[in-house]
Protein backbone atom coordinates (compact mmCIF):
# COMPACT_ATOMS: atom_id res chain seq x y z
CA MET A 1 98.04 75.58 109.12
CA PRO A 2 96.13 73.46 106.54
CA GLY A 3 96.69 73.91 102.83
CA THR A 4 94.17 75.92 100.84
CA THR A 5 93.40 77.26 97.38
CA PHE A 6 93.29 80.94 96.43
CA GLY A 7 91.44 81.25 93.13
CA SER A 8 93.16 78.79 90.81
CA LEU A 9 96.38 78.78 92.85
CA ALA A 10 96.93 75.91 95.29
CA VAL A 11 99.14 76.67 98.29
CA PRO A 12 100.97 73.70 99.89
CA ASP A 13 100.71 72.83 103.56
CA VAL A 14 102.98 74.34 106.19
CA ASP A 15 102.97 73.32 109.84
CA ASP A 16 102.98 76.88 111.18
CA GLY A 17 103.24 80.21 109.39
CA TYR A 18 101.25 82.72 107.36
CA TYR A 19 99.82 83.33 103.88
CA LEU A 20 100.76 86.00 101.36
CA VAL A 21 98.24 86.66 98.59
CA LYS A 22 98.46 89.27 95.80
CA LEU A 23 95.17 90.45 94.28
CA SER A 24 94.37 92.60 91.26
CA PRO A 25 92.08 95.66 91.65
CA THR A 26 89.21 93.36 90.65
CA PHE A 27 90.26 90.79 93.30
CA GLU A 28 91.72 88.31 90.84
CA VAL A 29 94.35 86.18 92.60
CA LEU A 30 97.71 86.91 90.94
CA ALA A 31 100.09 85.13 93.32
CA ALA A 32 99.89 83.23 96.60
CA ARG A 33 102.36 81.72 99.00
CA ALA A 34 102.44 80.05 102.40
CA VAL A 35 105.46 81.00 104.53
CA GLU A 36 106.78 78.44 107.02
CA SER A 37 107.51 80.46 110.16
CA PRO A 38 106.56 78.96 113.55
CA ALA A 39 105.17 81.15 116.35
CA THR A 40 105.07 84.27 114.17
CA GLN A 41 102.86 87.36 114.45
CA VAL A 42 102.38 89.44 111.31
CA ASN A 43 102.27 93.02 112.57
CA ALA A 44 102.92 95.31 109.59
CA LEU A 45 102.64 95.28 105.78
CA GLN A 46 103.82 97.83 103.23
CA VAL A 47 104.28 97.88 99.44
CA ASP A 48 107.28 99.82 98.13
CA GLY A 49 107.57 101.90 94.98
CA ALA A 50 108.63 98.88 92.92
CA GLY A 51 105.62 96.89 94.03
CA ASP A 52 107.54 94.58 96.37
CA LEU A 53 106.00 93.56 99.68
CA ILE A 54 107.63 94.42 103.02
CA VAL A 55 106.42 92.35 106.00
CA GLY A 56 107.14 93.11 109.65
CA THR A 57 106.78 90.17 112.03
CA ALA A 58 107.61 89.09 115.57
CA VAL A 59 108.97 85.56 115.97
CA ALA A 60 108.66 83.89 119.37
CA SER A 61 110.47 80.96 120.95
CA PHE A 62 108.33 79.68 123.80
CA GLU A 63 111.07 77.24 124.78
CA LYS A 64 113.57 80.08 125.27
CA GLY A 65 110.99 82.65 126.36
CA SER A 66 112.21 85.04 123.69
CA MET A 67 110.80 87.16 120.87
CA HIS A 68 112.51 89.16 118.15
CA PRO A 69 111.29 91.36 115.26
CA VAL A 70 111.99 90.44 111.64
CA VAL A 71 111.59 92.55 108.48
CA THR A 72 111.31 90.57 105.23
CA LYS A 73 111.06 91.71 101.62
CA TYR A 74 109.14 89.60 99.09
CA SER A 75 109.05 89.99 95.31
CA GLY A 76 105.88 91.76 94.24
CA SER A 77 105.50 89.50 91.20
CA THR A 78 106.34 86.05 92.58
CA LEU A 79 106.14 86.56 96.39
CA GLU A 80 109.53 84.84 96.68
CA GLU A 81 111.72 86.10 99.52
CA VAL A 82 114.27 88.75 98.48
CA TRP A 83 115.92 89.31 101.86
CA SER A 84 115.15 88.99 105.56
CA THR A 85 116.59 90.98 108.47
CA PRO A 86 116.09 89.52 111.97
CA PHE A 87 116.77 91.67 115.03
CA GLY A 88 118.29 90.29 118.23
CA HIS A 89 116.31 90.14 121.49
CA GLU A 90 116.53 87.63 124.37
CA VAL A 91 113.15 87.89 126.13
CA MET A 92 109.49 88.69 125.43
CA PRO A 93 108.16 90.96 124.03
CA ALA A 94 109.80 92.78 121.13
CA LEU A 95 107.35 93.91 118.47
CA ILE A 96 106.94 95.89 115.27
CA TYR A 97 103.77 97.98 115.58
CA GLY A 98 104.19 100.36 112.67
CA MET A 99 106.15 100.54 109.42
CA THR A 100 106.44 102.97 106.53
CA ILE A 101 108.58 103.54 103.44
CA LEU A 102 110.36 106.84 102.79
CA PRO A 103 110.35 108.53 99.35
CA ASP A 104 113.94 107.32 98.81
CA GLY A 105 112.88 103.73 99.50
CA TRP A 106 114.27 103.32 103.01
CA ILE A 107 112.11 101.08 105.18
CA VAL A 108 111.25 102.40 108.65
CA PRO A 109 109.76 100.00 111.23
CA ALA A 110 109.02 100.99 114.84
CA GLY A 111 107.71 99.34 117.99
CA LEU A 112 108.72 98.30 121.52
CA TYR A 113 111.25 96.06 123.27
CA SER A 114 111.87 94.92 126.84
CA ARG A 115 115.60 94.16 127.03
CA THR A 116 118.59 94.93 124.82
CA LEU A 117 117.52 95.13 121.15
CA THR A 118 120.20 94.54 118.52
CA ILE A 119 119.50 95.92 115.03
CA GLY A 120 122.50 95.17 112.84
CA GLU A 121 125.43 97.03 114.39
CA PHE A 122 123.14 99.14 116.56
CA VAL A 123 122.63 98.03 120.17
CA LEU A 124 119.63 99.72 121.82
CA GLU A 125 119.29 99.74 125.60
CA LYS A 126 116.91 101.27 128.08
CA PRO A 127 118.12 103.90 130.55
CA PRO A 128 119.77 102.52 133.72
CA ALA A 129 116.58 103.05 135.75
CA GLY A 130 114.69 100.50 133.66
CA ARG A 131 117.46 98.28 132.34
CA ASP A 132 117.13 95.49 134.92
CA ASP A 133 113.33 95.20 134.71
CA ASP A 134 111.98 93.23 131.73
CA PHE A 135 108.47 94.54 132.44
CA ILE A 136 109.53 98.09 131.59
CA TYR A 137 109.32 98.66 127.84
CA ALA A 138 111.06 101.17 125.59
CA GLY A 139 110.25 102.36 122.09
CA TRP A 140 112.46 101.96 119.03
CA ILE A 141 112.66 103.03 115.40
CA ALA A 142 115.04 101.85 112.66
CA TRP A 143 115.96 102.62 109.05
CA LEU A 144 116.71 99.69 106.70
CA SER A 145 118.21 99.73 103.20
CA PRO A 146 115.67 98.70 100.54
CA ASP A 147 118.38 96.83 98.60
CA ASP A 148 119.43 94.26 101.19
CA GLY A 149 117.66 95.14 104.46
CA GLU A 150 120.86 96.30 106.14
CA PRO A 151 120.08 98.52 109.17
CA MET A 152 121.41 102.03 108.50
CA ARG A 153 120.15 103.81 111.63
CA ALA A 154 118.35 102.97 114.86
CA GLN A 155 117.10 104.98 117.82
CA THR A 156 115.47 104.20 121.16
CA PHE A 157 113.37 106.33 123.51
CA GLY A 158 111.83 106.07 126.97
CA GLY A 159 112.09 102.92 129.04
CA SER A 160 112.68 104.35 132.51
CA VAL A 161 109.21 103.74 133.97
CA LEU A 162 106.51 101.31 132.81
CA THR A 163 105.92 101.57 129.05
CA ASP A 164 107.08 103.81 126.21
CA MET A 165 106.43 102.59 122.70
CA ALA A 166 105.90 103.48 119.05
CA TRP A 167 102.45 102.54 117.78
CA ASP A 168 102.67 103.78 114.22
CA VAL A 169 104.88 105.68 111.78
CA ASN A 170 104.04 107.55 108.59
CA VAL A 171 105.51 110.03 106.10
CA THR A 172 104.29 113.62 105.85
CA SER A 173 103.90 115.52 102.57
CA SER A 174 107.23 117.26 103.29
CA GLY A 175 109.03 113.93 103.73
CA ASP A 176 109.33 114.06 107.52
CA LEU A 177 108.64 110.99 109.63
CA ARG A 178 105.56 111.25 111.81
CA LEU A 179 105.63 108.92 114.80
CA LEU A 180 102.72 107.98 117.07
CA THR A 181 103.97 107.16 120.57
CA SER A 182 102.62 106.50 124.06
CA HIS A 183 104.35 107.16 127.38
CA SER A 184 104.11 106.59 131.13
CA GLU A 185 105.73 109.76 132.50
CA GLU A 186 104.91 113.47 132.43
CA SER A 187 108.09 114.16 130.46
CA VAL A 188 110.18 111.99 128.17
CA GLU A 189 113.34 112.40 126.14
CA LEU A 190 112.54 111.90 122.48
CA PHE A 191 115.52 111.86 120.13
CA GLY A 192 117.63 114.15 122.28
CA VAL A 193 114.84 116.58 123.23
CA THR A 194 112.93 116.53 126.52
CA VAL A 195 109.21 116.75 125.78
CA ASP A 196 106.80 117.91 128.48
CA LEU A 197 103.69 115.75 128.19
CA GLY A 198 101.90 117.09 131.26
CA GLN A 199 98.81 114.98 131.86
CA HIS A 200 98.89 113.59 128.33
CA ARG A 201 100.12 110.08 127.64
CA ALA A 202 100.43 110.09 123.84
CA ALA A 203 102.25 112.22 121.30
CA VAL A 204 102.60 112.74 117.57
CA THR A 205 106.20 113.67 116.78
CA ASP A 206 107.92 114.72 113.55
CA LEU A 207 111.54 113.84 112.68
CA ASP A 208 113.40 115.38 109.75
CA ALA A 209 115.98 113.61 107.57
CA ALA A 210 118.72 114.41 110.10
CA LEU A 211 116.66 112.76 112.90
CA THR A 212 116.05 116.15 114.49
CA LEU A 213 112.82 116.42 116.45
CA GLU A 214 110.86 119.07 114.56
CA ARG A 215 107.69 119.04 116.65
CA ALA A 216 105.92 117.03 119.35
CA VAL A 217 102.17 117.29 119.92
CA PRO A 218 101.06 115.72 123.24
CA PHE A 219 97.40 114.69 123.46
CA GLY A 220 95.06 112.23 125.13
CA GLY A 221 94.50 111.87 128.86
CA SER A 222 95.47 108.98 131.09
CA SER A 223 92.35 107.04 130.07
CA MET A 224 93.21 107.04 126.34
CA ALA A 225 95.24 104.27 124.72
CA VAL A 226 96.24 104.96 121.11
CA SER A 227 96.33 102.40 118.28
CA LYS A 228 96.98 103.80 114.79
CA MET A 229 97.06 107.05 112.79
CA ALA A 230 96.38 108.26 109.26
CA LEU A 231 97.28 111.49 107.44
CA ASP A 232 95.10 113.36 104.97
CA GLN A 233 96.14 115.47 101.98
CA ASP A 234 95.94 118.70 103.99
CA GLY A 235 98.40 117.58 106.68
CA ARG A 236 95.86 116.61 109.33
CA THR A 237 96.53 113.57 111.50
CA TYR A 238 93.77 111.24 112.65
CA VAL A 239 94.46 108.95 115.61
CA VAL A 240 92.26 106.13 116.86
CA GLY A 241 92.38 104.28 120.15
CA ARG A 242 90.41 103.55 123.28
CA TYR A 243 88.97 105.55 126.13
CA GLY A 244 88.07 104.17 129.55
CA ASP A 245 89.32 101.30 131.70
CA PRO A 246 89.62 98.13 129.56
CA LEU A 247 88.66 96.08 132.62
CA GLY A 248 85.82 98.38 133.68
CA ASP A 249 82.15 98.41 132.79
CA VAL A 250 81.70 97.91 129.05
CA ARG A 251 79.34 100.90 128.97
CA ASP A 252 82.12 103.21 130.17
CA ARG A 253 84.68 102.41 127.48
CA GLY A 254 84.91 102.42 123.73
CA GLY A 255 86.67 103.72 120.64
CA GLU A 256 88.07 107.23 120.30
CA LEU A 257 89.04 109.33 117.28
CA VAL A 258 91.23 112.45 117.57
CA ARG A 259 91.97 114.98 114.82
CA ILE A 260 95.19 117.01 114.93
CA GLU A 261 95.45 119.93 112.51
CA ALA A 262 98.48 120.58 110.32
CA ASP A 263 99.65 123.28 112.76
CA GLY A 264 99.59 120.81 115.69
CA THR A 265 96.28 121.93 117.21
CA VAL A 266 94.17 119.12 118.64
CA SER A 267 90.90 120.28 117.12
CA SER A 268 88.33 117.53 117.61
CA THR A 269 87.69 114.35 119.56
CA GLN A 270 84.88 111.88 119.01
CA ARG A 271 84.02 108.90 121.20
CA PHE A 272 82.10 105.80 120.16
CA ALA A 273 80.64 103.78 123.04
CA THR A 274 81.37 100.45 121.36
CA GLY A 275 82.96 98.88 124.44
CA TYR A 276 86.20 98.22 122.54
CA THR A 277 89.21 99.93 120.99
CA ALA A 278 89.06 101.53 117.55
CA LYS A 279 92.02 99.72 115.97
CA ARG A 280 92.49 101.10 112.46
CA VAL A 281 91.98 104.40 110.65
CA ALA A 282 92.27 105.49 107.01
CA VAL A 283 91.42 108.63 105.02
CA ASP A 284 90.07 108.33 101.47
CA SER A 285 90.53 110.73 98.54
CA GLY A 286 87.13 112.29 99.24
CA GLY A 287 88.12 113.28 102.77
CA GLY A 288 86.11 110.53 104.45
CA VAL A 289 87.60 109.03 107.60
CA TRP A 290 87.27 105.27 108.01
CA ILE A 291 87.65 103.54 111.36
CA SER A 292 87.42 99.88 112.31
CA GLY A 293 87.45 97.89 115.51
CA THR A 294 85.44 95.54 117.68
CA TRP A 295 81.89 96.38 118.69
CA GLU A 296 79.85 95.20 121.66
CA THR A 297 77.43 97.93 122.76
CA PRO A 298 74.99 100.22 120.87
CA PHE A 299 76.13 103.82 120.35
CA GLU A 300 74.74 107.07 118.96
CA TRP A 301 76.29 108.91 116.00
CA ALA A 302 74.85 111.72 113.86
CA GLY A 303 71.41 111.33 115.42
CA ARG A 304 71.20 107.60 114.73
CA SER A 305 71.56 104.55 116.95
CA HIS A 306 73.92 101.82 115.80
CA GLU A 307 73.79 98.31 117.22
CA PRO A 308 76.00 95.23 116.77
CA SER A 309 74.75 92.73 114.21
CA CYS A 310 74.94 89.82 116.67
CA ALA A 311 75.01 89.27 120.40
CA VAL A 312 78.38 88.82 122.09
CA ALA A 313 77.01 85.76 123.87
CA GLU A 314 76.88 84.01 120.48
CA GLY A 315 80.66 84.22 120.10
CA PRO A 316 83.44 86.80 119.78
CA ALA A 317 82.35 90.43 119.64
CA PRO A 318 81.66 91.45 116.01
CA SER A 319 83.87 93.83 114.07
CA MET A 320 82.76 97.19 112.69
CA VAL A 321 83.84 99.47 109.84
CA MET A 322 82.47 103.01 109.68
CA ARG A 323 83.04 105.98 107.37
CA LEU A 324 82.67 109.50 108.74
CA ALA A 325 81.92 111.94 105.94
CA ALA A 326 82.50 114.95 108.19
CA PHE A 327 84.59 115.04 111.35
């Protein structure tokens, strides 16, 4: 990765790694750093109550054929490393897909793994039916101390057939953890409770402080693949993802947005025939819902036709960001 300059701050060269840059509300560069970390994916970022940066990554060794998650805390003022907590995993993949910070400061990452995942003193394994197959994935969630990154709790779920995983995690207004998961079976054991998914393949689940499953809301048919979620001030959950076969005709697939009410009712679904997954979602203070993703085909919304700004033949499919004032 070549060296570069952010504002007036020069960042030295590193052979392989990632950048951290802190900006003011007016986009003034306050601090910048290049982190030397070969074969690393940056999968999750959070800022804690003290302004420090928490980074969730996956570090691969192509020589060993392995991958393991790492959670690292950086100083919010200097971007110097405060602590780093690597997990143990012997094969590929093992990923952090979502991460949040509880009101008491505990850091909660979540994701998937394919073999035994070691998080501090916690050893997570798939059920016997999937334990010998590295192409069967299970979901995981962990709780780390904000002071030193020590793992305090860890849980696994699924992993008997094909893929179970955690895509995202957030905190509700009551302080519960809300987890976005996807599954391969019609029923799955989530944190000691068997949840009947029926024909659905995704769920939004709530865990209280004692790790008791408070509620599970299955949604989405077999053609939906979820990506991320966001919560609004009234307790609604918005989930984005993809509908259709990713290898099928581009006109028959695209982004999808689902709204789940505070009482768990799946109240609205909107599809965008963009040809690609809707990858991110956010809710602003005015109630607007923002989605982003990749865009290949024209689609209709609110009586208007929207088309990509450039042809896919000219290069990678362009990205899109859209705000829905009412959904």
